[in-house]
Amino acid sequence: MAKSLINCARSLHFFGAFRAGLRYVKASRELHRVLVRTAIYFFFASVTWALLPLVAR
């Protein structure tokens, strides 16, 4: 019983910290720029890999 309470408390602490991190990301303009640049980079990187079979013919 005591171990389940400890695990429950840890998970609640984790989710509270996770929500605080999401609030920080939502408010940070610099992180928005980084996330947008990362998404664009990965999009074009995946397009390159997707077109590779056409080039290899």
N, C-alpha and C. Protein backbone atom coordinates (compact mmCIF):
# COMPACT_ATOMS: atom_id res chain seq x y z
N MET A 1 0.83 -1.20 0.00
CA MET A 1 0.00 0.00 0.00
C MET A 1 0.87 1.26 0.00
N ALA A 2 1.92 1.27 0.83
CA ALA A 2 2.77 2.45 0.92
C ALA A 2 3.51 2.69 -0.39
N LYS A 3 3.94 1.61 -1.06
CA LYS A 3 4.66 1.79 -2.33
C LYS A 3 3.75 2.35 -3.41
N SER A 4 2.49 1.94 -3.42
CA SER A 4 1.58 2.47 -4.43
C SER A 4 1.32 3.96 -4.20
N LEU A 5 1.29 4.39 -2.96
CA LEU A 5 1.11 5.82 -2.67
C LEU A 5 2.33 6.61 -3.11
N ILE A 6 3.51 6.05 -2.92
CA ILE A 6 4.73 6.74 -3.34
C ILE A 6 4.77 6.85 -4.86
N ASN A 7 4.43 5.77 -5.56
CA ASN A 7 4.41 5.81 -7.02
C ASN A 7 3.37 6.80 -7.52
N CYS A 8 2.23 6.86 -6.87
CA CYS A 8 1.18 7.80 -7.26
C CYS A 8 1.67 9.24 -7.07
N ALA A 9 2.33 9.50 -5.96
CA ALA A 9 2.84 10.84 -5.69
C ALA A 9 3.90 11.22 -6.71
N ARG A 10 4.76 10.28 -7.09
CA ARG A 10 5.79 10.57 -8.08
C ARG A 10 5.17 10.87 -9.44
N SER A 11 4.17 10.11 -9.82
CA SER A 11 3.56 10.35 -11.12
C SER A 11 2.83 11.70 -11.14
N LEU A 12 2.19 12.07 -10.05
CA LEU A 12 1.53 13.37 -9.99
C LEU A 12 2.56 14.48 -10.07
N HIS A 13 3.70 14.30 -9.41
CA HIS A 13 4.76 15.30 -9.47
C HIS A 13 5.29 15.42 -10.90
N PHE A 14 5.45 14.29 -11.57
CA PHE A 14 5.93 14.29 -12.94
C PHE A 14 4.96 15.03 -13.86
N PHE A 15 3.67 14.73 -13.76
CA PHE A 15 2.70 15.37 -14.64
C PHE A 15 2.57 16.87 -14.35
N GLY A 16 2.72 17.26 -13.10
CA GLY A 16 2.71 18.68 -12.77
C GLY A 16 3.90 19.39 -13.39
N ALA A 17 5.06 18.75 -13.31
CA ALA A 17 6.26 19.33 -13.92
C ALA A 17 6.13 19.37 -15.44
N PHE A 18 5.52 18.35 -16.01
CA PHE A 18 5.32 18.30 -17.46
C PHE A 18 4.42 19.44 -17.91
N ARG A 19 3.34 19.68 -17.18
CA ARG A 19 2.43 20.78 -17.51
C ARG A 19 3.14 22.13 -17.40
N ALA A 20 3.98 22.28 -16.37
CA ALA A 20 4.72 23.54 -16.21
C ALA A 20 5.67 23.75 -17.39
N GLY A 21 6.30 22.67 -17.85
CA GLY A 21 7.17 22.78 -19.01
C GLY A 21 6.41 23.17 -20.27
N LEU A 22 5.23 22.61 -20.45
CA LEU A 22 4.41 22.97 -21.61
C LEU A 22 3.98 24.44 -21.55
N ARG A 23 3.65 24.91 -20.35
CA ARG A 23 3.30 26.34 -20.22
C ARG A 23 4.48 27.22 -20.58
N TYR A 24 5.70 26.81 -20.18
CA TYR A 24 6.90 27.58 -20.50
C TYR A 24 7.13 27.62 -22.01
N VAL A 25 6.97 26.47 -22.66
CA VAL A 25 7.16 26.42 -24.10
C VAL A 25 6.12 27.28 -24.82
N LYS A 26 4.90 27.25 -24.32
CA LYS A 26 3.84 28.04 -24.94
C LYS A 26 4.13 29.54 -24.85
N ALA A 27 4.77 29.97 -23.78
CA ALA A 27 5.03 31.40 -23.57
C ALA A 27 6.36 31.86 -24.15
N SER A 28 7.24 30.94 -24.53
CA SER A 28 8.58 31.32 -24.97
C SER A 28 8.63 31.49 -26.48
N ARG A 29 8.90 32.68 -26.94
CA ARG A 29 8.98 32.96 -28.36
C ARG A 29 10.23 32.31 -28.99
N GLU A 30 11.32 32.25 -28.24
CA GLU A 30 12.55 31.64 -28.75
C GLU A 30 12.36 30.16 -29.02
N LEU A 31 11.66 29.47 -28.12
CA LEU A 31 11.42 28.05 -28.32
C LEU A 31 10.48 27.80 -29.49
N HIS A 32 9.57 28.71 -29.74
CA HIS A 32 8.69 28.58 -30.90
C HIS A 32 9.53 28.59 -32.18
N ARG A 33 10.50 29.50 -32.24
CA ARG A 33 11.36 29.59 -33.42
C ARG A 33 12.14 28.30 -33.61
N VAL A 34 12.69 27.78 -32.53
CA VAL A 34 13.47 26.54 -32.61
C VAL A 34 12.59 25.38 -33.06
N LEU A 35 11.39 25.27 -32.52
CA LEU A 35 10.50 24.17 -32.89
C LEU A 35 10.06 24.28 -34.35
N VAL A 36 9.80 25.48 -34.83
CA VAL A 36 9.39 25.65 -36.22
C VAL A 36 10.56 25.29 -37.15
N ARG A 37 11.77 25.77 -36.82
CA ARG A 37 12.92 25.43 -37.64
C ARG A 37 13.18 23.93 -37.66
N THR A 38 13.02 23.28 -36.52
CA THR A 38 13.22 21.83 -36.45
C THR A 38 12.18 21.10 -37.27
N ALA A 39 10.93 21.51 -37.20
CA ALA A 39 9.87 20.87 -37.98
C ALA A 39 10.13 21.03 -39.48
N ILE A 40 10.55 22.21 -39.90
CA ILE A 40 10.84 22.43 -41.32
C ILE A 40 12.01 21.57 -41.76
N TYR A 41 13.06 21.50 -40.95
CA TYR A 41 14.22 20.68 -41.29
C TYR A 41 13.82 19.22 -41.45
N PHE A 42 13.07 18.68 -40.49
CA PHE A 42 12.70 17.28 -40.57
C PHE A 42 11.73 17.01 -41.73
N PHE A 43 10.89 17.95 -42.06
CA PHE A 43 10.01 17.79 -43.21
C PHE A 43 10.82 17.62 -44.49
N PHE A 44 11.76 18.53 -44.72
CA PHE A 44 12.55 18.44 -45.93
C PHE A 44 13.51 17.25 -45.92
N ALA A 45 13.99 16.86 -44.76
CA ALA A 45 14.82 15.66 -44.67
C ALA A 45 14.01 14.42 -45.03
N SER A 46 12.78 14.35 -44.58
CA SER A 46 11.95 13.18 -44.90
C SER A 46 11.54 13.19 -46.37
N VAL A 47 11.36 14.35 -46.96
CA VAL A 47 11.05 14.42 -48.38
C VAL A 47 12.22 13.89 -49.20
N THR A 48 13.43 14.22 -48.78
CA THR A 48 14.62 13.72 -49.48
C THR A 48 14.66 12.21 -49.46
N TRP A 49 14.43 11.62 -48.29
CA TRP A 49 14.43 10.15 -48.18
C TRP A 49 13.28 9.53 -48.97
N ALA A 50 12.15 10.21 -49.03
CA ALA A 50 10.99 9.67 -49.76
C ALA A 50 11.24 9.66 -51.27
N LEU A 51 11.99 10.64 -51.77
CA LEU A 51 12.27 10.72 -53.20
C LEU A 51 13.47 9.88 -53.62
N LEU A 52 14.22 9.36 -52.70
CA LEU A 52 15.42 8.60 -53.02
C LEU A 52 15.15 7.40 -53.93
N PRO A 53 14.07 6.62 -53.74
CA PRO A 53 13.83 5.51 -54.68
C PRO A 53 13.62 5.96 -56.12
N LEU A 54 13.06 7.15 -56.32
CA LEU A 54 12.88 7.64 -57.69
C LEU A 54 14.21 8.00 -58.33
N VAL A 55 15.12 8.52 -57.54
CA VAL A 55 16.43 8.91 -58.06
C VAL A 55 17.28 7.66 -58.32
N ALA A 56 17.11 6.62 -57.52
CA ALA A 56 17.93 5.42 -57.62
C ALA A 56 17.59 4.58 -58.84
N ARG A 57 16.47 4.78 -59.47
CA ARG A 57 16.09 3.99 -60.65
C ARG A 57 17.03 4.17 -61.74
